[in-house]
N, C-alpha and C. Protein backbone atom coordinates (compact mmCIF):
# COMPACT_ATOMS: atom_id res chain seq x y z
N MET A 1 -68.63 11.08 -79.68
CA MET A 1 -67.96 10.86 -78.42
C MET A 1 -66.57 11.48 -78.51
N PHE A 2 -66.20 12.21 -77.49
CA PHE A 2 -64.87 12.81 -77.46
C PHE A 2 -63.83 11.71 -77.43
N THR A 3 -62.88 11.75 -78.37
CA THR A 3 -61.85 10.74 -78.49
C THR A 3 -60.49 11.41 -78.55
N PHE A 4 -59.53 10.87 -77.84
CA PHE A 4 -58.17 11.40 -77.90
C PHE A 4 -57.17 10.27 -77.81
N GLU A 5 -55.94 10.61 -78.12
CA GLU A 5 -54.86 9.63 -78.19
C GLU A 5 -53.67 10.14 -77.39
N ALA A 6 -52.91 9.21 -76.82
CA ALA A 6 -51.68 9.56 -76.11
C ALA A 6 -50.66 8.46 -76.39
N PRO A 7 -49.37 8.74 -76.18
CA PRO A 7 -48.37 7.69 -76.36
C PRO A 7 -48.62 6.52 -75.41
N LYS A 8 -48.33 5.31 -75.88
CA LYS A 8 -48.64 4.12 -75.07
C LYS A 8 -47.90 4.10 -73.75
N GLU A 9 -46.74 4.73 -73.68
CA GLU A 9 -45.97 4.75 -72.43
C GLU A 9 -46.66 5.56 -71.34
N THR A 10 -47.63 6.39 -71.72
CA THR A 10 -48.30 7.26 -70.75
C THR A 10 -49.72 6.81 -70.43
N ASN A 11 -50.12 5.63 -70.89
CA ASN A 11 -51.52 5.23 -70.71
C ASN A 11 -51.94 5.22 -69.24
N LEU A 12 -51.09 4.72 -68.35
CA LEU A 12 -51.46 4.68 -66.94
C LEU A 12 -51.53 6.06 -66.31
N LYS A 13 -50.62 6.95 -66.70
CA LYS A 13 -50.65 8.31 -66.17
C LYS A 13 -51.92 9.03 -66.61
N VAL A 14 -52.31 8.85 -67.86
CA VAL A 14 -53.53 9.48 -68.37
C VAL A 14 -54.75 8.90 -67.67
N LEU A 15 -54.83 7.57 -67.58
CA LEU A 15 -55.97 6.94 -66.92
C LEU A 15 -56.06 7.35 -65.45
N GLN A 16 -54.92 7.42 -64.77
CA GLN A 16 -54.91 7.83 -63.35
C GLN A 16 -55.38 9.27 -63.21
N PHE A 17 -54.93 10.15 -64.10
CA PHE A 17 -55.37 11.55 -64.05
C PHE A 17 -56.88 11.66 -64.26
N LEU A 18 -57.39 10.97 -65.27
CA LEU A 18 -58.83 11.01 -65.54
C LEU A 18 -59.64 10.46 -64.36
N PHE A 19 -59.09 9.49 -63.66
CA PHE A 19 -59.75 8.88 -62.50
C PHE A 19 -59.71 9.82 -61.29
N ASP A 20 -58.55 10.41 -61.01
CA ASP A 20 -58.34 11.19 -59.79
C ASP A 20 -58.89 12.59 -59.83
N ASP A 21 -58.93 13.20 -61.02
CA ASP A 21 -59.35 14.60 -61.12
C ASP A 21 -60.79 14.77 -60.62
N ASN A 22 -60.99 15.72 -59.69
CA ASN A 22 -62.30 15.91 -59.06
C ASN A 22 -63.35 16.50 -59.99
N GLU A 23 -62.93 17.10 -61.09
CA GLU A 23 -63.90 17.60 -62.06
C GLU A 23 -64.21 16.55 -63.14
N LEU A 24 -63.21 15.82 -63.56
CA LEU A 24 -63.40 14.85 -64.64
C LEU A 24 -64.11 13.59 -64.16
N LYS A 25 -63.64 12.97 -63.09
CA LYS A 25 -64.30 11.83 -62.44
C LYS A 25 -64.59 10.65 -63.38
N PHE A 26 -63.65 10.30 -64.25
CA PHE A 26 -63.84 9.13 -65.11
C PHE A 26 -63.37 7.89 -64.34
N ARG A 27 -64.27 7.35 -63.53
CA ARG A 27 -63.92 6.28 -62.60
C ARG A 27 -64.54 4.94 -62.95
N PHE A 28 -65.14 4.85 -64.14
CA PHE A 28 -65.74 3.59 -64.56
C PHE A 28 -65.21 3.24 -65.94
N LEU A 29 -64.56 2.09 -66.04
CA LEU A 29 -64.06 1.59 -67.33
C LEU A 29 -65.17 0.77 -67.95
N THR A 30 -65.83 1.34 -68.95
CA THR A 30 -66.94 0.68 -69.62
C THR A 30 -66.47 -0.46 -70.50
N ASP A 31 -65.39 -0.21 -71.24
CA ASP A 31 -64.92 -1.20 -72.20
C ASP A 31 -63.45 -0.98 -72.48
N LEU A 32 -62.77 -2.05 -72.84
CA LEU A 32 -61.38 -2.01 -73.27
C LEU A 32 -61.28 -3.02 -74.40
N CYS A 33 -60.78 -2.60 -75.54
CA CYS A 33 -60.68 -3.50 -76.69
C CYS A 33 -59.50 -3.08 -77.55
N ALA A 34 -59.33 -3.75 -78.66
CA ALA A 34 -58.26 -3.39 -79.59
C ALA A 34 -58.81 -3.34 -81.01
N VAL A 35 -58.06 -2.67 -81.87
CA VAL A 35 -58.37 -2.59 -83.30
C VAL A 35 -57.06 -2.81 -84.04
N HIS A 36 -57.11 -3.58 -85.11
CA HIS A 36 -55.92 -3.85 -85.92
C HIS A 36 -55.96 -2.98 -87.18
N TYR A 37 -54.93 -2.15 -87.34
CA TYR A 37 -54.77 -1.31 -88.52
C TYR A 37 -53.51 -1.78 -89.26
N PRO A 38 -53.61 -2.80 -90.11
CA PRO A 38 -52.41 -3.38 -90.72
C PRO A 38 -51.61 -2.42 -91.60
N SER A 39 -52.22 -1.38 -92.10
CA SER A 39 -51.51 -0.46 -92.99
C SER A 39 -50.74 0.64 -92.24
N GLN A 40 -50.89 0.73 -90.94
CA GLN A 40 -50.21 1.77 -90.17
C GLN A 40 -48.95 1.20 -89.52
N GLN A 41 -47.86 1.22 -90.26
CA GLN A 41 -46.62 0.60 -89.80
C GLN A 41 -46.14 1.24 -88.50
N GLY A 42 -45.88 0.39 -87.51
CA GLY A 42 -45.43 0.85 -86.20
C GLY A 42 -46.57 1.23 -85.27
N ARG A 43 -47.79 1.29 -85.81
CA ARG A 43 -48.99 1.63 -85.04
C ARG A 43 -50.13 0.69 -85.43
N GLU A 44 -49.79 -0.57 -85.62
CA GLU A 44 -50.78 -1.51 -86.15
C GLU A 44 -51.91 -1.83 -85.17
N LEU A 45 -51.62 -1.79 -83.88
CA LEU A 45 -52.64 -2.14 -82.89
C LEU A 45 -53.00 -0.93 -82.04
N ALA A 46 -54.29 -0.69 -81.91
CA ALA A 46 -54.78 0.37 -81.03
C ALA A 46 -55.49 -0.30 -79.86
N VAL A 47 -55.15 0.13 -78.66
CA VAL A 47 -55.90 -0.27 -77.47
C VAL A 47 -56.85 0.88 -77.17
N VAL A 48 -58.13 0.56 -77.07
CA VAL A 48 -59.17 1.58 -76.93
C VAL A 48 -59.85 1.42 -75.57
N TYR A 49 -59.84 2.50 -74.80
CA TYR A 49 -60.50 2.53 -73.49
C TYR A 49 -61.75 3.41 -73.60
N HIS A 50 -62.88 2.91 -73.14
CA HIS A 50 -64.09 3.70 -73.03
C HIS A 50 -64.33 3.95 -71.54
N LEU A 51 -64.32 5.23 -71.17
CA LEU A 51 -64.46 5.61 -69.76
C LEU A 51 -65.74 6.40 -69.56
N HIS A 52 -66.29 6.28 -68.35
CA HIS A 52 -67.58 6.90 -68.06
C HIS A 52 -67.49 7.66 -66.73
N ASN A 53 -67.94 8.90 -66.76
CA ASN A 53 -68.14 9.68 -65.55
C ASN A 53 -69.60 9.46 -65.16
N LEU A 54 -69.83 8.65 -64.15
CA LEU A 54 -71.20 8.28 -63.76
C LEU A 54 -71.96 9.44 -63.10
N VAL A 55 -71.24 10.37 -62.51
CA VAL A 55 -71.88 11.51 -61.83
C VAL A 55 -72.53 12.44 -62.85
N ASP A 56 -71.77 12.80 -63.90
CA ASP A 56 -72.26 13.75 -64.90
C ASP A 56 -72.75 13.06 -66.17
N ASN A 57 -72.68 11.73 -66.21
CA ASN A 57 -73.10 10.93 -67.36
C ASN A 57 -72.39 11.36 -68.64
N ILE A 58 -71.06 11.34 -68.58
CA ILE A 58 -70.23 11.72 -69.73
C ILE A 58 -69.33 10.53 -70.05
N ARG A 59 -69.18 10.26 -71.34
CA ARG A 59 -68.30 9.18 -71.79
C ARG A 59 -67.20 9.75 -72.69
N ILE A 60 -66.05 9.12 -72.62
CA ILE A 60 -64.94 9.49 -73.51
C ILE A 60 -64.27 8.22 -74.01
N ARG A 61 -63.52 8.38 -75.09
CA ARG A 61 -62.75 7.28 -75.67
C ARG A 61 -61.28 7.70 -75.69
N PHE A 62 -60.42 6.82 -75.21
CA PHE A 62 -58.99 7.08 -75.12
C PHE A 62 -58.27 5.96 -75.85
N LYS A 63 -57.32 6.33 -76.75
CA LYS A 63 -56.60 5.32 -77.55
C LYS A 63 -55.10 5.45 -77.36
N VAL A 64 -54.45 4.29 -77.34
CA VAL A 64 -53.00 4.23 -77.44
C VAL A 64 -52.66 3.25 -78.56
N PHE A 65 -51.62 3.55 -79.30
CA PHE A 65 -51.21 2.70 -80.42
C PHE A 65 -49.88 2.03 -80.10
N THR A 66 -49.72 0.82 -80.62
CA THR A 66 -48.47 0.09 -80.44
C THR A 66 -48.16 -0.68 -81.72
N GLY A 67 -46.89 -0.96 -81.91
CA GLY A 67 -46.48 -1.75 -83.06
C GLY A 67 -46.76 -3.23 -82.84
N ILE A 68 -46.98 -3.93 -83.92
CA ILE A 68 -47.32 -5.35 -83.83
C ILE A 68 -46.09 -6.20 -83.47
N GLU A 69 -44.89 -5.68 -83.73
CA GLU A 69 -43.67 -6.43 -83.42
C GLU A 69 -43.40 -6.50 -81.93
N GLN A 70 -43.78 -5.47 -81.20
CA GLN A 70 -43.63 -5.44 -79.74
C GLN A 70 -44.88 -4.80 -79.15
N PRO A 71 -45.97 -5.56 -79.07
CA PRO A 71 -47.27 -4.98 -78.68
C PRO A 71 -47.45 -4.85 -77.16
N ASP A 72 -46.53 -4.15 -76.51
CA ASP A 72 -46.57 -4.01 -75.05
C ASP A 72 -47.30 -2.73 -74.64
N VAL A 73 -48.26 -2.88 -73.75
CA VAL A 73 -49.00 -1.76 -73.16
C VAL A 73 -49.15 -2.07 -71.68
N PHE A 74 -49.00 -1.07 -70.83
CA PHE A 74 -49.11 -1.30 -69.39
C PHE A 74 -50.54 -1.67 -69.01
N THR A 75 -50.68 -2.60 -68.09
CA THR A 75 -51.99 -3.04 -67.63
C THR A 75 -52.68 -1.97 -66.80
N ALA A 76 -54.00 -1.93 -66.90
CA ALA A 76 -54.81 -0.99 -66.11
C ALA A 76 -55.51 -1.70 -64.96
N THR A 77 -55.10 -2.94 -64.68
CA THR A 77 -55.81 -3.72 -63.66
C THR A 77 -55.66 -3.17 -62.25
N ASN A 78 -54.59 -2.45 -61.95
CA ASN A 78 -54.44 -1.87 -60.62
C ASN A 78 -55.38 -0.69 -60.40
N LEU A 79 -55.82 -0.06 -61.47
CA LEU A 79 -56.74 1.07 -61.38
C LEU A 79 -58.19 0.64 -61.54
N PHE A 80 -58.43 -0.25 -62.50
CA PHE A 80 -59.77 -0.75 -62.77
C PHE A 80 -59.75 -2.28 -62.70
N SER A 81 -60.40 -2.86 -61.73
CA SER A 81 -60.41 -4.33 -61.65
C SER A 81 -61.14 -4.94 -62.84
N SER A 82 -62.06 -4.19 -63.43
CA SER A 82 -62.78 -4.69 -64.61
C SER A 82 -61.86 -4.87 -65.82
N ALA A 83 -60.69 -4.25 -65.79
CA ALA A 83 -59.76 -4.37 -66.91
C ALA A 83 -59.18 -5.78 -67.01
N ASN A 84 -59.23 -6.54 -65.94
CA ASN A 84 -58.60 -7.86 -65.90
C ASN A 84 -59.06 -8.74 -67.07
N TRP A 85 -60.33 -9.04 -67.13
CA TRP A 85 -60.82 -9.95 -68.17
C TRP A 85 -60.83 -9.28 -69.54
N MET A 86 -61.07 -7.98 -69.58
CA MET A 86 -61.06 -7.29 -70.88
C MET A 86 -59.66 -7.31 -71.48
N GLU A 87 -58.63 -7.15 -70.67
CA GLU A 87 -57.26 -7.23 -71.17
C GLU A 87 -56.91 -8.66 -71.60
N ARG A 88 -57.40 -9.64 -70.86
CA ARG A 88 -57.15 -11.03 -71.26
C ARG A 88 -57.81 -11.33 -72.60
N GLU A 89 -59.02 -10.86 -72.81
CA GLU A 89 -59.71 -11.07 -74.08
C GLU A 89 -58.98 -10.34 -75.21
N THR A 90 -58.51 -9.13 -74.95
CA THR A 90 -57.79 -8.36 -75.95
C THR A 90 -56.47 -9.04 -76.30
N TYR A 91 -55.81 -9.59 -75.31
CA TYR A 91 -54.59 -10.38 -75.57
C TYR A 91 -54.94 -11.61 -76.42
N ASP A 92 -55.98 -12.30 -76.02
CA ASP A 92 -56.38 -13.55 -76.68
C ASP A 92 -56.68 -13.36 -78.16
N PHE A 93 -57.34 -12.28 -78.51
CA PHE A 93 -57.77 -12.08 -79.89
C PHE A 93 -56.85 -11.20 -80.72
N PHE A 94 -56.08 -10.30 -80.08
CA PHE A 94 -55.23 -9.37 -80.84
C PHE A 94 -53.74 -9.50 -80.52
N GLY A 95 -53.40 -10.15 -79.40
CA GLY A 95 -51.99 -10.32 -79.06
C GLY A 95 -51.36 -9.15 -78.35
N VAL A 96 -52.15 -8.25 -77.80
CA VAL A 96 -51.58 -7.14 -77.03
C VAL A 96 -51.06 -7.69 -75.71
N ASN A 97 -49.79 -7.42 -75.42
CA ASN A 97 -49.16 -7.89 -74.18
C ASN A 97 -49.33 -6.81 -73.11
N PHE A 98 -50.21 -7.05 -72.16
CA PHE A 98 -50.45 -6.08 -71.09
C PHE A 98 -49.42 -6.32 -69.98
N VAL A 99 -48.39 -5.49 -69.98
CA VAL A 99 -47.27 -5.62 -69.06
C VAL A 99 -47.75 -5.39 -67.63
N GLY A 100 -47.46 -6.37 -66.75
CA GLY A 100 -47.84 -6.26 -65.36
C GLY A 100 -49.18 -6.90 -65.03
N HIS A 101 -49.84 -7.45 -66.02
CA HIS A 101 -51.14 -8.09 -65.78
C HIS A 101 -50.93 -9.30 -64.87
N PRO A 102 -51.81 -9.51 -63.88
CA PRO A 102 -51.61 -10.59 -62.92
C PRO A 102 -51.81 -12.00 -63.47
N ASN A 103 -52.51 -12.16 -64.60
CA ASN A 103 -52.78 -13.50 -65.11
C ASN A 103 -53.08 -13.45 -66.61
N LEU A 104 -52.14 -12.92 -67.38
CA LEU A 104 -52.37 -12.73 -68.81
C LEU A 104 -52.21 -14.05 -69.54
N LYS A 105 -53.34 -14.68 -69.84
CA LYS A 105 -53.36 -15.91 -70.62
C LYS A 105 -54.66 -15.94 -71.42
N ARG A 106 -54.72 -16.85 -72.35
CA ARG A 106 -55.91 -16.94 -73.20
C ARG A 106 -57.14 -17.19 -72.35
N ILE A 107 -58.25 -16.59 -72.77
CA ILE A 107 -59.48 -16.69 -71.98
C ILE A 107 -60.58 -17.42 -72.74
N LEU A 108 -60.60 -17.34 -74.07
CA LEU A 108 -61.64 -17.98 -74.87
C LEU A 108 -61.09 -18.97 -75.89
N ASN A 109 -59.89 -18.74 -76.39
CA ASN A 109 -59.28 -19.65 -77.36
C ASN A 109 -58.39 -20.66 -76.66
N VAL A 110 -58.07 -21.74 -77.36
CA VAL A 110 -57.23 -22.79 -76.78
C VAL A 110 -55.80 -22.28 -76.63
N ASP A 111 -55.12 -22.77 -75.62
CA ASP A 111 -53.75 -22.34 -75.34
C ASP A 111 -52.79 -22.65 -76.48
N GLU A 112 -53.08 -23.71 -77.24
CA GLU A 112 -52.18 -24.13 -78.32
C GLU A 112 -52.26 -23.22 -79.56
N MET A 113 -53.24 -22.34 -79.61
CA MET A 113 -53.40 -21.47 -80.76
C MET A 113 -52.17 -20.56 -80.88
N ASP A 114 -51.55 -20.53 -82.05
CA ASP A 114 -50.32 -19.76 -82.22
C ASP A 114 -50.54 -18.50 -83.06
N TYR A 115 -51.76 -18.02 -83.12
CA TYR A 115 -52.08 -16.78 -83.84
C TYR A 115 -53.19 -16.07 -83.09
N PHE A 116 -53.49 -14.86 -83.53
CA PHE A 116 -54.51 -14.04 -82.88
C PHE A 116 -55.61 -13.77 -83.90
N PRO A 117 -56.77 -14.39 -83.73
CA PRO A 117 -57.78 -14.48 -84.79
C PRO A 117 -58.44 -13.17 -85.20
N MET A 118 -58.39 -12.12 -84.41
CA MET A 118 -59.04 -10.87 -84.80
C MET A 118 -58.13 -9.94 -85.59
N ARG A 119 -56.88 -10.30 -85.74
CA ARG A 119 -56.00 -9.50 -86.59
C ARG A 119 -56.40 -9.72 -88.05
N LYS A 120 -56.21 -8.70 -88.83
CA LYS A 120 -56.61 -8.76 -90.24
C LYS A 120 -55.48 -9.35 -91.09
N GLU A 121 -55.02 -10.51 -90.70
CA GLU A 121 -53.91 -11.15 -91.40
C GLU A 121 -54.36 -12.30 -92.30
N PHE A 122 -55.63 -12.62 -92.25
CA PHE A 122 -56.14 -13.76 -92.98
C PHE A 122 -57.32 -13.33 -93.86
N PRO A 123 -57.48 -13.93 -95.05
CA PRO A 123 -58.64 -13.60 -95.89
C PRO A 123 -59.93 -14.04 -95.20
N LEU A 124 -61.01 -13.33 -95.48
CA LEU A 124 -62.29 -13.65 -94.85
C LEU A 124 -62.86 -14.97 -95.36
N GLU A 125 -62.57 -15.32 -96.59
CA GLU A 125 -63.02 -16.60 -97.14
C GLU A 125 -62.00 -17.10 -98.14
N ASP A 126 -62.05 -18.38 -98.40
CA ASP A 126 -61.13 -19.03 -99.33
C ASP A 126 -61.58 -18.72 -100.76
N GLN A 127 -60.79 -17.91 -101.47
CA GLN A 127 -61.15 -17.49 -102.82
C GLN A 127 -61.04 -18.62 -103.84
N SER A 128 -60.38 -19.72 -103.46
CA SER A 128 -60.20 -20.81 -104.41
C SER A 128 -61.34 -21.83 -104.37
N ARG A 129 -62.30 -21.65 -103.48
CA ARG A 129 -63.41 -22.62 -103.38
C ARG A 129 -64.28 -22.58 -104.64
N ILE A 130 -64.64 -23.77 -105.11
CA ILE A 130 -65.49 -23.85 -106.29
C ILE A 130 -66.86 -24.43 -105.96
N ASP A 131 -67.09 -24.76 -104.70
CA ASP A 131 -68.34 -25.38 -104.30
C ASP A 131 -69.41 -24.37 -103.90
N LYS A 132 -69.12 -23.08 -104.08
CA LYS A 132 -70.11 -22.06 -103.72
C LYS A 132 -70.65 -21.40 -104.98
N ASP A 133 -71.93 -21.22 -105.03
CA ASP A 133 -72.58 -20.53 -106.13
C ASP A 133 -72.69 -19.06 -105.74
N ASP A 134 -71.92 -18.19 -106.42
CA ASP A 134 -71.90 -16.78 -106.06
C ASP A 134 -73.28 -16.14 -106.10
N GLU A 135 -74.13 -16.60 -107.00
CA GLU A 135 -75.48 -16.01 -107.09
C GLU A 135 -76.28 -16.27 -105.82
N MET A 136 -76.01 -17.37 -105.13
CA MET A 136 -76.71 -17.68 -103.89
C MET A 136 -76.29 -16.75 -102.76
N PHE A 137 -75.13 -16.10 -102.91
CA PHE A 137 -74.61 -15.21 -101.89
C PHE A 137 -74.73 -13.74 -102.30
N GLY A 138 -75.50 -13.48 -103.36
CA GLY A 138 -75.70 -12.10 -103.79
C GLY A 138 -74.52 -11.49 -104.52
N ARG A 139 -73.62 -12.32 -105.03
CA ARG A 139 -72.47 -11.81 -105.75
C ARG A 139 -72.56 -12.26 -107.20
N GLY A 140 -72.41 -11.35 -108.10
CA GLY A 140 -72.40 -11.69 -109.51
C GLY A 140 -73.77 -12.07 -110.01
N GLY A 141 -73.84 -12.36 -111.27
CA GLY A 141 -75.11 -12.79 -111.86
C GLY A 141 -76.11 -11.66 -111.94
N SER A 142 -77.31 -11.98 -112.34
CA SER A 142 -78.33 -10.96 -112.49
C SER A 142 -79.20 -10.90 -111.25
N ILE A 143 -79.75 -9.74 -111.05
CA ILE A 143 -80.68 -9.52 -109.93
C ILE A 143 -82.09 -9.63 -110.47
N LEU A 144 -82.90 -10.43 -109.85
CA LEU A 144 -84.29 -10.62 -110.31
C LEU A 144 -85.16 -9.47 -109.92
């Protein structure tokens, strides 16, 4: 899939151009999500847009990166109404602040949650647990 990147400050201009251009016709937002890259300082969060030209059946992927300290990206809800819930979910799980969103609040997690669970800031399992038999999980020991 053709994938490209632009500065986060231009996300709306790029999306509007892709929507308005009579040859490109990317007028359907298939998906909007985020990815956490903890090792990329200043670019830890990527907002990923999947767009579809329904006339020619062509899909593209568009990315903007933002720092985790100020994860502000302009909302696409004025262009794509489907962006509303996808941006809320992305905020809920990754903490991306969609500037200008009409109702940016948690959608699946409790309001009291003070972290964003899809960020790679926590270990996948507690390494200090002693109640698990590694052989039962396919780790260590001999293979029969």
